[in-house]
Protein backbone atom coordinates (compact mmCIF):
# COMPACT_ATOMS: atom_id res chain seq x y z
CA MET A 1 -0.02 0.01 -0.02
CA ALA A 2 1.27 3.46 -0.90
CA LYS A 3 1.71 5.90 1.89
CA PRO A 4 -0.87 8.66 2.22
CA THR A 5 0.33 11.95 0.91
CA ILE A 6 0.93 15.31 2.60
CA LEU A 7 1.05 18.06 -0.02
CA SER A 8 2.37 21.54 0.63
CA VAL A 9 2.22 24.71 -1.54
CA ASP A 10 4.35 27.81 -1.28
CA ASP A 11 5.49 29.97 -4.23
CA ASP A 12 8.89 30.73 -2.52
CA PRO A 13 11.17 27.79 -3.38
CA GLU A 14 13.18 28.21 -0.27
CA VAL A 15 10.11 28.27 2.02
CA SER A 16 8.64 25.33 0.10
CA ALA A 17 11.80 23.32 0.64
CA ALA A 18 11.83 24.31 4.32
CA ILE A 19 8.31 23.14 5.05
CA GLY A 20 8.95 20.02 3.09
CA ARG A 21 11.99 19.31 5.20
CA ASP A 22 10.14 19.89 8.49
CA LEU A 23 7.25 17.71 7.34
CA ARG A 24 9.52 14.81 6.31
CA ALA A 25 11.42 15.03 9.60
CA LYS A 26 8.29 14.37 11.59
CA TYR A 27 5.95 12.46 9.23
CA GLY A 28 8.22 10.95 6.59
CA ALA A 29 8.04 7.48 8.04
CA GLU A 30 4.22 7.23 7.66
CA TYR A 31 3.46 9.73 4.90
CA ARG A 32 4.72 10.72 1.47
CA VAL A 33 5.55 14.42 1.64
CA VAL A 34 5.27 16.32 -1.69
CA PRO A 35 6.27 20.05 -1.61
CA THR A 36 5.21 22.22 -4.61
CA THR A 37 5.78 25.83 -5.61
CA SER A 38 2.49 26.81 -7.24
CA GLY A 39 -1.20 26.15 -7.00
CA ALA A 40 -1.28 24.89 -10.62
CA GLU A 41 1.54 22.43 -9.97
CA ALA A 42 -0.14 21.23 -6.75
CA LEU A 43 -3.51 20.66 -8.52
CA GLN A 44 -1.75 18.57 -11.14
CA VAL A 45 -0.20 16.44 -8.44
CA LEU A 46 -3.58 16.04 -6.69
CA SER A 47 -5.26 15.06 -9.96
CA ALA A 48 -2.59 12.43 -10.68
CA LEU A 49 -2.86 11.03 -7.15
CA LYS A 50 -6.63 10.82 -7.49
CA LYS A 51 -6.37 8.87 -10.79
CA ARG A 52 -4.06 6.34 -9.05
CA GLU A 53 -6.50 6.13 -6.16
CA GLN A 54 -3.89 7.19 -3.72
CA SER A 55 -4.92 8.76 -0.40
CA ILE A 56 -4.27 12.42 0.37
CA ALA A 57 -4.28 13.07 4.10
CA LEU A 58 -3.35 16.75 4.40
CA VAL A 59 -2.93 19.77 2.13
CA ILE A 60 -1.05 22.87 3.43
CA SER A 61 -1.02 26.07 1.39
CA ASP A 62 0.45 29.51 1.84
CA GLN A 63 -2.18 32.30 1.52
CA LYS A 64 -0.31 34.85 -0.48
CA MET A 65 0.65 33.45 -3.86
CA PRO A 66 0.75 35.33 -7.21
CA GLU A 67 -1.30 32.89 -9.30
CA MET A 68 -4.12 32.21 -6.83
CA THR A 69 -4.60 32.74 -3.13
CA GLY A 70 -4.26 29.85 -0.73
CA VAL A 71 -8.00 29.89 -0.02
CA ASP A 72 -8.76 29.73 -3.75
CA PHE A 73 -6.32 26.81 -4.22
CA LEU A 74 -7.76 24.93 -1.22
CA GLU A 75 -11.24 25.37 -2.52
CA GLN A 76 -10.25 23.67 -5.75
CA ALA A 77 -8.11 21.04 -3.94
CA LYS A 78 -11.12 19.97 -1.87
CA LYS A 79 -12.86 18.83 -5.11
CA GLU A 80 -9.93 16.49 -5.83
CA CYS A 81 -9.55 15.22 -2.27
CA PRO A 82 -12.75 15.87 -0.21
CA ASN A 83 -11.51 13.82 2.74
CA ALA A 84 -8.17 15.55 3.16
CA LYS A 85 -7.47 17.98 6.00
CA LEU A 86 -6.96 21.56 4.81
CA VAL A 87 -4.44 23.97 6.45
CA LEU A 88 -3.74 27.56 5.54
CA LEU A 89 -0.39 29.26 6.34
CA THR A 90 -1.06 32.94 6.84
CA ALA A 91 0.31 36.20 8.17
CA PHE A 92 -1.62 38.11 10.87
CA ALA A 93 -3.06 40.49 8.25
CA ASP A 94 -4.77 37.58 6.49
CA THR A 95 -6.63 36.07 9.47
CA ASP A 96 -10.01 37.50 8.32
CA ALA A 97 -9.63 35.51 5.07
CA ALA A 98 -8.72 32.39 7.00
CA ILE A 99 -11.72 32.69 9.34
CA LYS A 100 -14.03 33.23 6.41
CA ALA A 101 -12.57 30.14 4.80
CA ILE A 102 -13.59 28.03 7.84
CA ASN A 103 -17.18 28.72 6.96
CA ASP A 104 -16.90 28.91 3.15
CA ILE A 105 -14.77 25.90 2.26
CA GLY A 106 -14.48 23.94 5.50
CA LEU A 107 -10.85 24.97 6.29
CA ASP A 108 -9.65 22.80 9.18
CA ARG A 109 -6.91 25.00 10.58
CA TYR A 110 -4.91 28.12 9.89
CA LEU A 111 -1.40 28.60 11.22
CA MET A 112 0.72 31.70 11.49
CA LYS A 113 4.07 32.11 9.64
CA PRO A 114 6.76 31.54 10.53
CA TRP A 115 6.05 28.10 12.05
CA HIS A 116 9.37 27.73 13.80
CA PRO A 117 10.03 26.03 16.10
CA PRO A 118 7.90 23.34 14.45
CA GLU A 119 7.80 21.30 17.66
CA GLU A 120 5.73 24.08 19.28
CA ARG A 121 3.97 25.82 16.36
CA LEU A 122 3.52 23.26 13.61
CA TYR A 123 3.58 19.64 14.77
CA PRO A 124 0.99 19.75 17.56
CA ALA A 125 -1.66 21.12 15.20
CA LEU A 126 -0.85 18.66 12.40
CA ASP A 127 -0.64 15.70 14.78
CA ASP A 128 -4.31 16.53 15.81
CA LEU A 129 -5.50 16.80 12.20
CA LEU A 130 -3.68 13.68 10.96
CA GLY A 131 -4.97 11.68 13.93
CA ASP A 132 -8.49 12.67 12.94
CA TRP A 133 -7.84 11.74 9.34
CA GLN A 134 -6.44 8.36 10.25
CA ARG A 135 -9.45 7.48 12.44
CA THR A 136 -11.79 8.39 9.62
CA ASN A 137 -9.88 6.72 6.81
CA ARG A 138 -8.55 3.54 8.32
CA ASP A 139 -9.21 0.22 6.66
CA ALA A 140 -12.95 -0.35 6.50
CA ASN A 141 -12.64 -4.12 6.07
CA LEU A 142 -11.61 -4.80 9.69
CA VAL A 143 -15.11 -5.98 10.52
CA ARG A 144 -17.90 -7.12 8.24
CA VAL A 145 -21.56 -7.06 9.20
CA ILE A 146 -24.04 -8.99 7.09
CA GLY A 147 -27.66 -8.35 7.81
CA HIS A 148 -30.96 -6.95 6.68
CA ARG A 149 -31.57 -3.26 6.09
CA TRP A 150 -34.80 -3.32 8.07
CA SER A 151 -33.58 -5.51 10.99
CA GLU A 152 -33.69 -3.78 14.36
CA ARG A 153 -30.81 -5.89 15.64
CA SER A 154 -28.71 -5.19 12.55
CA HIS A 155 -29.28 -1.52 13.10
CA GLU A 156 -28.27 -1.82 16.79
CA VAL A 157 -25.01 -3.65 15.83
CA ARG A 158 -24.10 -1.08 13.22
CA ASN A 159 -24.87 1.72 15.55
CA PHE A 160 -22.76 0.17 18.30
CA LEU A 161 -19.80 -0.29 16.01
CA ALA A 162 -20.08 3.27 14.57
CA ARG A 163 -20.34 4.92 18.02
CA ASN A 164 -17.37 2.94 19.27
CA HIS A 165 -15.32 3.94 16.24
CA VAL A 166 -15.01 0.44 14.93
CA HIS A 167 -14.89 0.70 11.16
CA ALA A 168 -16.95 -1.93 9.46
CA ARG A 169 -18.24 -2.95 6.04
CA TRP A 170 -21.96 -3.32 5.89
CA THR A 171 -23.47 -5.89 3.49
CA ASP A 172 -27.21 -6.08 3.01
CA ILE A 173 -28.43 -9.58 2.07
CA GLU A 174 -31.13 -8.12 -0.20
CA ARG A 175 -29.04 -5.44 -1.90
CA SER A 176 -25.61 -7.03 -2.38
CA ASP A 177 -24.37 -10.21 -4.08
CA GLU A 178 -21.40 -10.20 -1.64
CA ALA A 179 -23.46 -11.61 1.25
CA ALA A 180 -24.11 -15.16 -0.17
CA PRO A 181 -20.47 -16.42 -0.10
CA TYR A 182 -20.02 -15.30 3.47
CA LEU A 183 -23.28 -16.95 4.59
CA GLU A 184 -22.27 -20.16 2.81
CA LEU A 185 -18.73 -20.10 4.28
CA HIS A 186 -20.02 -19.77 7.79
CA GLU A 187 -23.07 -21.99 7.28
CA ALA A 188 -25.29 -19.16 8.42
CA GLY A 189 -29.03 -18.75 7.82
CA PRO A 190 -31.59 -15.99 8.47
CA GLN A 191 -31.81 -16.88 12.12
CA ASP A 192 -28.02 -16.02 12.53
CA LEU A 193 -28.31 -12.45 11.19
CA PRO A 194 -26.72 -10.07 11.75
CA LEU A 195 -23.58 -12.13 11.13
CA VAL A 196 -20.55 -10.17 12.39
CA ILE A 197 -17.14 -11.32 11.14
CA VAL A 198 -14.28 -10.16 13.27
CA PRO A 199 -10.72 -10.86 11.95
CA ASP A 200 -8.64 -13.11 14.15
CA PHE A 201 -11.74 -14.05 16.05
CA GLY A 202 -14.33 -15.53 13.79
CA ALA A 203 -18.07 -15.14 13.04
CA LEU A 204 -20.57 -13.98 15.57
CA ARG A 205 -24.17 -15.04 15.01
CA SER A 206 -26.63 -12.32 16.11
CA PRO A 207 -24.32 -11.45 19.02
CA SER A 208 -25.35 -9.64 22.15
CA THR A 209 -23.72 -6.31 22.73
CA VAL A 210 -21.48 -7.76 25.40
CA GLU A 211 -20.42 -10.64 23.16
CA LEU A 212 -19.65 -8.20 20.28
CA ALA A 213 -17.70 -5.88 22.60
CA SER A 214 -15.61 -8.76 23.98
CA ALA A 215 -14.78 -10.05 20.51
CA LEU A 216 -13.56 -6.57 19.55
CA GLY A 217 -11.27 -6.42 22.55
CA LEU A 218 -13.27 -3.79 24.36
CA ARG A 219 -13.20 -4.07 28.11
CA THR A 220 -16.42 -5.52 29.55
CA SER A 221 -15.29 -6.56 33.06
CA ALA A 222 -13.57 -4.80 35.92
CA ASP A 223 -10.19 -5.96 37.26
CA GLY A 224 -10.48 -4.45 40.72
CA GLU A 225 -12.55 -5.14 43.82
CA LEU A 226 -12.94 -1.65 45.29
CA TYR A 227 -12.75 1.69 43.54
CA ASP A 228 -12.65 5.19 44.93
CA LEU A 229 -14.97 6.47 42.25
CA CYS A 230 -17.46 4.72 39.91
CA ILE A 231 -18.99 6.84 37.20
CA ILE A 232 -22.13 5.57 35.52
CA GLY A 233 -22.39 6.94 32.00
CA ALA A 234 -19.70 8.07 29.55
CA GLY A 235 -21.36 11.16 28.08
CA PRO A 236 -19.58 14.55 28.39
CA ALA A 237 -20.26 14.77 32.16
CA GLY A 238 -19.09 11.21 32.85
CA LEU A 239 -15.97 11.51 30.76
CA ALA A 240 -14.99 14.83 32.37
CA ALA A 241 -15.43 13.21 35.83
CA ALA A 242 -13.28 10.29 34.79
CA VAL A 243 -10.52 12.60 33.52
CA TYR A 244 -10.42 14.66 36.67
CA GLY A 245 -10.93 11.72 39.01
CA ALA A 246 -8.18 9.59 37.52
CA SER A 247 -5.76 12.55 37.02
CA GLU A 248 -6.15 13.47 40.76
CA GLY A 249 -5.25 10.03 42.05
CA LEU A 250 -8.69 8.42 42.50
CA ARG A 251 -8.98 4.81 41.44
CA THR A 252 -11.71 5.41 38.85
CA ILE A 253 -13.93 3.20 36.76
CA VAL A 254 -16.60 4.24 34.15
CA VAL A 255 -19.51 1.99 33.24
CA GLU A 256 -21.25 2.76 29.90
CA ARG A 257 -24.11 0.71 28.49
CA GLU A 258 -23.69 1.75 24.84
CA ALA A 259 -20.80 3.93 23.69
CA PRO A 260 -18.76 6.90 24.86
CA GLY A 261 -20.33 10.32 24.10
CA GLY A 262 -23.88 9.76 25.23
CA GLN A 263 -26.52 11.72 23.43
CA ALA A 264 -23.91 14.31 22.46
CA GLY A 265 -21.91 11.58 20.70
CA LEU A 266 -24.68 11.42 18.08
CA SER A 267 -24.28 15.07 17.17
CA ALA A 268 -22.94 15.60 13.68
CA ALA A 269 -21.47 18.96 14.66
CA ILE A 270 -21.00 20.76 17.96
CA GLU A 271 -20.22 24.27 16.77
CA ASN A 272 -20.47 26.33 19.90
CA TYR A 273 -18.01 24.46 22.10
CA LEU A 274 -15.25 26.63 23.33
CA GLY A 275 -11.88 26.28 21.60
CA PHE A 276 -13.12 24.68 18.37
CA PRO A 277 -13.90 27.46 15.91
CA LYS A 278 -14.81 25.06 13.12
CA GLY A 279 -16.78 22.85 15.47
CA LEU A 280 -16.35 19.16 15.96
CA SER A 281 -18.54 16.12 15.84
CA GLY A 282 -19.88 14.52 19.00
CA ALA A 283 -18.02 11.35 18.10
CA ASP A 284 -14.73 13.28 17.70
CA LEU A 285 -15.28 14.97 21.15
CA ALA A 286 -15.97 11.59 22.73
CA GLN A 287 -12.91 10.02 21.15
CA ARG A 288 -10.62 12.73 22.37
CA ALA A 289 -12.10 12.50 25.82
CA VAL A 290 -11.71 8.69 25.93
CA ALA A 291 -8.04 9.10 25.05
CA GLN A 292 -7.57 11.44 28.05
CA VAL A 293 -9.48 9.06 30.28
CA ARG A 294 -7.18 6.13 29.34
CA ARG A 295 -4.10 8.29 29.52
CA PHE A 296 -4.74 8.95 33.19
CA GLY A 297 -5.47 5.32 33.93
CA ALA A 298 -9.21 5.16 34.53
CA GLN A 299 -10.90 1.91 33.52
CA MET A 300 -13.81 1.95 31.15
CA LEU A 301 -16.36 -0.85 30.84
CA LEU A 302 -18.52 -0.87 27.71
CA ALA A 303 -21.72 -2.67 26.86
CA ARG A 304 -22.47 -2.93 30.60
CA ASP A 305 -25.70 -1.76 32.20
CA VAL A 306 -26.04 -0.94 35.90
CA VAL A 307 -29.34 -2.43 37.00
CA GLN A 308 -29.27 -1.65 40.70
CA LEU A 309 -27.51 0.46 43.30
CA ASP A 310 -27.09 -0.93 46.86
CA VAL A 311 -25.78 1.11 49.74
CA ARG A 312 -23.72 -0.92 52.25
CA GLY A 313 -22.60 1.60 54.84
CA PRO A 314 -19.77 3.61 53.25
CA ILE A 315 -19.61 1.26 50.22
CA LYS A 316 -21.84 1.50 47.15
CA ALA A 317 -22.36 -1.74 45.25
CA LEU A 318 -23.37 -1.48 41.60
CA ASN A 319 -25.06 -4.54 40.17
CA LEU A 320 -24.30 -5.15 36.48
CA GLY A 321 -26.53 -8.22 36.20
CA ASP A 322 -25.31 -11.85 35.82
CA ASN A 323 -24.13 -11.74 39.46
CA VAL A 324 -21.50 -9.13 38.59
CA GLU A 325 -20.89 -6.25 40.98
CA ILE A 326 -18.58 -3.28 41.30
CA GLU A 327 -17.95 -1.74 44.72
CA SER A 328 -17.02 1.89 45.11
CA ARG A 329 -16.57 4.48 47.87
CA ALA A 330 -18.27 7.20 45.81
CA VAL A 331 -20.51 7.25 42.77
CA VAL A 332 -21.27 9.81 40.10
CA VAL A 333 -24.50 9.24 38.17
CA ALA A 334 -24.02 10.70 34.67
CA THR A 335 -26.43 8.63 32.59
CA GLY A 336 -27.79 11.66 30.72
CA VAL A 337 -31.10 11.51 28.89
CA SER A 338 -32.57 9.77 25.88
CA TYR A 339 -34.97 11.10 23.29
CA ARG A 340 -38.61 10.51 24.25
CA ARG A 341 -40.49 7.91 22.28
CA LEU A 342 -42.85 9.10 19.63
CA ASP A 343 -46.43 8.77 20.87
CA ALA A 344 -48.00 7.74 17.56
CA PRO A 345 -49.71 4.47 16.62
CA GLY A 346 -47.46 2.20 14.64
CA ALA A 347 -44.17 3.96 15.59
CA ASP A 348 -42.98 1.33 18.15
CA ALA A 349 -43.69 -1.47 15.62
CA VAL A 350 -41.09 -0.10 13.24
CA ALA A 351 -38.56 1.32 15.69
CA GLY A 352 -35.09 0.55 14.46
CA ARG A 353 -36.62 -0.30 11.13
CA GLY A 354 -37.24 3.14 9.69
CA VAL A 355 -38.06 5.03 12.90
CA TYR A 356 -34.89 6.07 14.68
CA TYR A 357 -34.18 8.07 17.79
CA GLY A 358 -31.18 10.25 17.12
CA ALA A 359 -29.16 9.79 13.91
CA SER A 360 -25.75 8.12 13.66
CA ALA A 361 -23.39 8.32 10.69
CA ALA A 362 -24.46 4.92 9.58
CA GLU A 363 -28.14 5.97 9.37
CA ALA A 364 -27.31 9.16 7.56
CA GLU A 365 -25.44 7.30 4.86
CA GLU A 366 -28.28 4.83 4.48
CA CYS A 367 -30.55 7.72 3.49
CA ALA A 368 -28.80 8.47 0.21
CA GLY A 369 -31.29 9.64 -2.41
CA GLU A 370 -34.24 9.24 -0.01
CA ASP A 371 -36.92 11.64 1.21
CA VAL A 372 -36.58 11.59 5.00
CA TYR A 373 -38.64 13.15 7.79
CA LEU A 374 -37.41 14.52 11.07
CA VAL A 375 -39.37 15.46 14.24
CA GLY A 376 -38.02 18.14 16.52
CA GLY A 377 -36.96 21.80 16.61
CA ALA A 378 -34.06 21.99 19.06
CA ASN A 379 -30.33 22.20 18.24
CA SER A 380 -29.85 18.45 18.06
CA ALA A 381 -32.58 18.24 15.44
CA GLY A 382 -31.00 21.08 13.47
CA GLN A 383 -27.58 19.53 13.39
CA ALA A 384 -29.09 16.24 12.37
CA ALA A 385 -31.09 17.83 9.54
CA LEU A 386 -27.95 19.44 8.16
CA ASN A 387 -26.06 16.14 8.28
CA LEU A 388 -28.88 14.13 6.77
CA ALA A 389 -29.20 16.72 3.97
CA LYS A 390 -25.68 15.82 2.78
CA HIS A 391 -27.02 12.40 1.79
CA ALA A 392 -30.83 12.58 1.44
CA ARG A 393 -32.69 13.93 -1.57
CA GLN A 394 -34.91 15.93 0.83
CA VAL A 395 -35.21 16.41 4.61
CA VAL A 396 -38.56 17.52 5.94
CA MET A 397 -38.51 18.92 9.45
CA LEU A 398 -41.79 18.62 11.38
CA VAL A 399 -41.92 21.26 14.15
CA ARG A 400 -44.72 21.80 16.64
CA SER A 401 -43.85 25.47 17.18
CA ASP A 402 -44.49 28.40 14.85
CA ASP A 403 -40.88 28.43 13.63
CA LEU A 404 -37.38 27.13 14.37
CA ALA A 405 -36.22 30.31 16.10
CA SER A 406 -38.15 29.51 19.30
CA GLY A 407 -36.07 26.51 20.19
CA MET A 408 -32.88 26.57 18.04
CA SER A 409 -29.75 28.70 17.99
CA SER A 410 -29.77 31.36 15.30
CA TYR A 411 -26.69 30.12 13.48
CA LEU A 412 -28.41 26.76 12.88
CA VAL A 413 -31.60 28.38 11.75
CA GLU A 414 -29.67 30.39 9.21
CA ARG A 415 -27.85 27.37 7.84
CA ILE A 416 -31.03 25.42 7.52
CA GLN A 417 -32.71 28.29 5.63
CA GLN A 418 -29.73 28.30 3.28
CA THR A 419 -29.87 24.52 2.61
CA SER A 420 -32.00 23.98 -0.45
CA ASN A 421 -33.07 20.38 0.29
CA ILE A 422 -34.32 21.05 3.85
CA ARG A 423 -38.02 21.95 4.16
CA VAL A 424 -39.48 23.10 7.44
CA ARG A 425 -43.18 22.42 8.23
CA PRO A 426 -44.22 24.35 11.39
CA ARG A 427 -47.19 23.43 13.50
CA THR A 428 -47.02 19.86 12.20
CA GLU A 429 -46.94 16.54 14.02
CA VAL A 430 -46.89 12.78 13.23
CA ILE A 431 -50.22 11.11 13.80
CA GLU A 432 -49.40 7.59 12.73
CA ALA A 433 -46.61 5.47 11.26
CA HIS A 434 -47.40 2.76 8.65
CA GLY A 435 -45.41 -0.18 7.37
CA ASN A 436 -45.19 -3.92 7.00
CA GLY A 437 -41.87 -4.90 8.55
CA HIS A 438 -40.40 -1.42 8.19
CA LEU A 439 -41.54 2.16 7.83
CA GLU A 440 -43.27 2.89 4.58
CA ALA A 441 -45.41 5.98 5.23
CA LEU A 442 -46.56 8.54 7.77
CA THR A 443 -49.75 10.35 8.52
CA ILE A 444 -48.94 13.92 9.53
CA ALA A 445 -51.36 16.68 10.57
CA ASN A 446 -51.50 20.42 11.07
CA ILE A 447 -51.89 21.10 14.79
CA ASP A 448 -54.19 24.07 14.28
CA SER A 449 -56.51 22.95 11.49
CA GLY A 450 -56.31 19.18 12.07
CA ALA A 451 -55.79 18.66 8.29
CA ARG A 452 -54.15 15.29 7.66
CA GLU A 453 -51.74 14.20 4.95
CA HIS A 454 -50.35 10.78 3.96
CA VAL A 455 -46.67 10.91 2.97
CA GLU A 456 -44.48 8.01 1.79
CA THR A 457 -41.08 7.64 3.42
CA ASN A 458 -38.79 4.98 4.73
CA PHE A 459 -37.04 7.15 7.31
CA LEU A 460 -38.23 9.10 10.33
CA PHE A 461 -35.76 10.57 12.81
CA VAL A 462 -37.10 11.63 16.21
CA PHE A 463 -35.53 14.34 18.37
CA ILE A 464 -38.25 15.20 20.94
CA GLY A 465 -37.73 16.02 24.55
CA ALA A 466 -35.52 14.36 27.17
CA ALA A 467 -36.29 11.31 29.29
CA PRO A 468 -33.80 10.23 32.00
CA ARG A 469 -33.27 6.49 32.56
CA THR A 470 -33.18 6.41 36.33
CA ALA A 471 -35.72 3.80 37.54
CA TRP A 472 -32.77 1.47 38.45
CA LEU A 473 -31.65 3.91 41.21
CA GLY A 474 -34.50 2.68 43.45
CA ASP A 475 -36.37 4.65 46.07
CA GLU A 476 -33.42 5.86 48.06
CA ILE A 477 -32.30 8.37 45.32
CA ALA A 478 -34.85 11.19 45.31
CA ARG A 479 -36.11 12.12 41.79
CA ASP A 480 -38.85 14.36 40.48
CA ASP A 481 -41.96 13.09 38.76
CA LYS A 482 -40.11 12.86 35.39
CA GLY A 483 -37.20 10.87 36.85
CA PHE A 484 -34.54 13.69 36.98
CA VAL A 485 -32.24 13.35 39.99
CA ILE A 486 -32.59 15.90 42.79
CA THR A 487 -29.31 17.17 44.20
CA GLY A 488 -27.81 19.73 46.68
CA ARG A 489 -30.20 22.06 48.37
CA GLY A 490 -33.04 20.49 46.41
CA VAL A 491 -32.69 17.31 48.55
CA LEU A 492 -33.69 19.25 51.67
CA ALA A 493 -36.33 21.27 49.85
CA ASN A 494 -38.00 18.05 48.72
CA CYS A 495 -38.06 16.31 52.09
CA GLU A 496 -41.18 14.40 51.09
CA LEU A 497 -39.12 12.63 48.40
CA SER A 498 -35.87 12.19 50.36
CA ASN A 499 -34.65 11.21 53.78
CA TRP A 500 -31.32 12.92 54.30
CA PRO A 501 -29.51 11.02 57.05
CA LEU A 502 -26.65 13.35 58.03
CA LEU A 503 -26.35 16.44 60.21
CA ARG A 504 -24.47 18.30 57.46
CA ASP A 505 -26.29 19.63 54.40
CA PRO A 506 -25.94 17.74 51.06
CA LEU A 507 -23.01 18.96 49.02
CA PRO A 508 -23.82 20.57 45.69
CA LEU A 509 -24.53 17.80 43.12
CA GLU A 510 -24.93 15.26 45.99
CA THR A 511 -28.06 13.19 45.87
CA SER A 512 -30.26 12.05 48.78
CA VAL A 513 -27.72 9.27 49.44
CA PRO A 514 -24.40 10.59 50.80
CA GLY A 515 -21.54 9.86 48.48
CA VAL A 516 -23.75 9.41 45.42
CA PHE A 517 -23.55 12.42 43.10
CA ALA A 518 -25.27 13.37 39.84
CA ALA A 519 -23.85 15.42 36.99
CA GLY A 520 -25.03 16.50 33.54
CA ASP A 521 -28.42 16.15 31.91
CA VAL A 522 -29.71 13.49 34.34
CA ARG A 523 -29.73 16.06 37.13
CA LEU A 524 -32.80 18.14 37.79
CA ASP A 525 -32.37 21.83 36.65
CA SER A 526 -29.14 21.10 34.68
CA MET A 527 -28.15 23.37 31.84
CA LYS A 528 -28.54 20.77 29.05
CA ARG A 529 -25.43 21.96 27.25
CA VAL A 530 -22.26 20.01 26.51
CA ALA A 531 -20.00 22.62 28.13
CA ALA A 532 -22.19 22.67 31.22
CA ALA A 533 -22.13 18.84 31.49
CA VAL A 534 -18.31 18.90 31.27
CA GLY A 535 -18.19 21.51 34.05
CA GLU A 536 -20.49 19.51 36.30
CA GLY A 537 -18.42 16.41 35.72
CA ALA A 538 -15.29 18.23 36.87
CA MET A 539 -17.16 19.80 39.76
CA ALA A 540 -18.47 16.47 40.95
CA VAL A 541 -14.91 15.11 41.41
CA ALA A 542 -14.05 18.08 43.61
CA LEU A 543 -17.11 17.27 45.73
CA VAL A 544 -16.20 13.57 45.77
CA HIS A 545 -12.82 14.59 47.37
CA GLN A 546 -14.72 16.54 50.07
CA TYR A 547 -16.92 13.58 50.76
CA LEU A 548 -14.11 11.06 50.96
CA GLU A 549 -12.09 13.32 53.30
CA THR A 550 -14.97 13.19 55.82
CA THR A 551 -15.79 9.46 55.72
């Protein structure tokens, strides 16, 4: 296999040679570095590489060049290599052009000249971009999933793999001739689907999530008997708590039932998170956070669900089912929320088979050329609509309010209005879902007039409300009537729901059980923002220290 290419452009031959030298010194072992001295020359190189089907990982261009500006060149380069990372080298006076290019052409990064010393001003930024590129473009044949497009379990397996950044090749038994030889080789029938073939392991027949995770080498069991801190949930709040807990010397373990990132991990783009001017995907944010968690030595169990919490004096025991327990001195509940189920006849019958809650990358790609419908008018719905619009023929947003502005950030509203294949239908709701084995049509209605309409579609994505999954906490942990966990002063204010046992007041974020804390969206009156969840996760660890010091 040929090495992926890093291409650089600068019209000054000496500068071009210098950046080529610095790039080879750091990346020459893994990448082919090609310095060029004009935009025209660079475009010829890109065209030749494309014809040979060779990968282009990174394109770096100077902004001020006589034939064409760096932004103009990168705009053309993106057509030749849409998956490559784009970097602009610029002087301070050109930063306005660079910032505009972030929005106009999807510029990934701009760097100031001169870039010396490269160890401080060049390599860290490029390391980050190349790491992202490698994760997105690694071999997609590592795992093969053979199943049915409208199988709920096939959908769950694909979603689990995608959210855990396991690249897999999907083969539909009805739409691809590639499936039959694999089914014959492994003597598999319809009852064995989805068939998951993992290299160096073998074929899994309709595996459970735990079986699949174990085959992939993901940790599914703890190796310790007693932890200082157990975090339940690996969304932004849980991951932040894990980073701070482990980095501050607490023996920390995280238990996650699905995949790191939580609901935020499904977001196609988080554009208002501090420090990322271009934005980043929820999956990218989760992957970066998981790397930090592992760096500091916290354990992370995946595909494990906590089904019960038992308090045994100063020790909290978490039951994972199958007679498996984890004991910890303190607990942070960071299980977040899920989208509420659509209350429409027929919707549950085709859940996972055309009706989806949230939208992963796998589902978005499945919508190519289709007319899809989306219910919801908050930011998560807006980001999903924009992502689905990249693949679908048309995205129809069904919104109960008068317009998007009442529940969505203005920058998203503007982008949706500018996207030609997104249609917004205000004051509209889904009345019924129809289909035999999978979604085939919807009945929608105007809320004011009651007028009904029958529309054909195979895809409906639901982004409505927030429902915490907290019934497993039992009666000892006080919650409101919707299931959100009551913390801090709220514990004493809701004495009819709680029975606080200590003379001291509950700490902020502490629940009605001393030593059990809640952070993020699962907590009553939380901010419901990614940055706020990260802050609460960090704050929870500081409070855990206070608690442990007094017990």
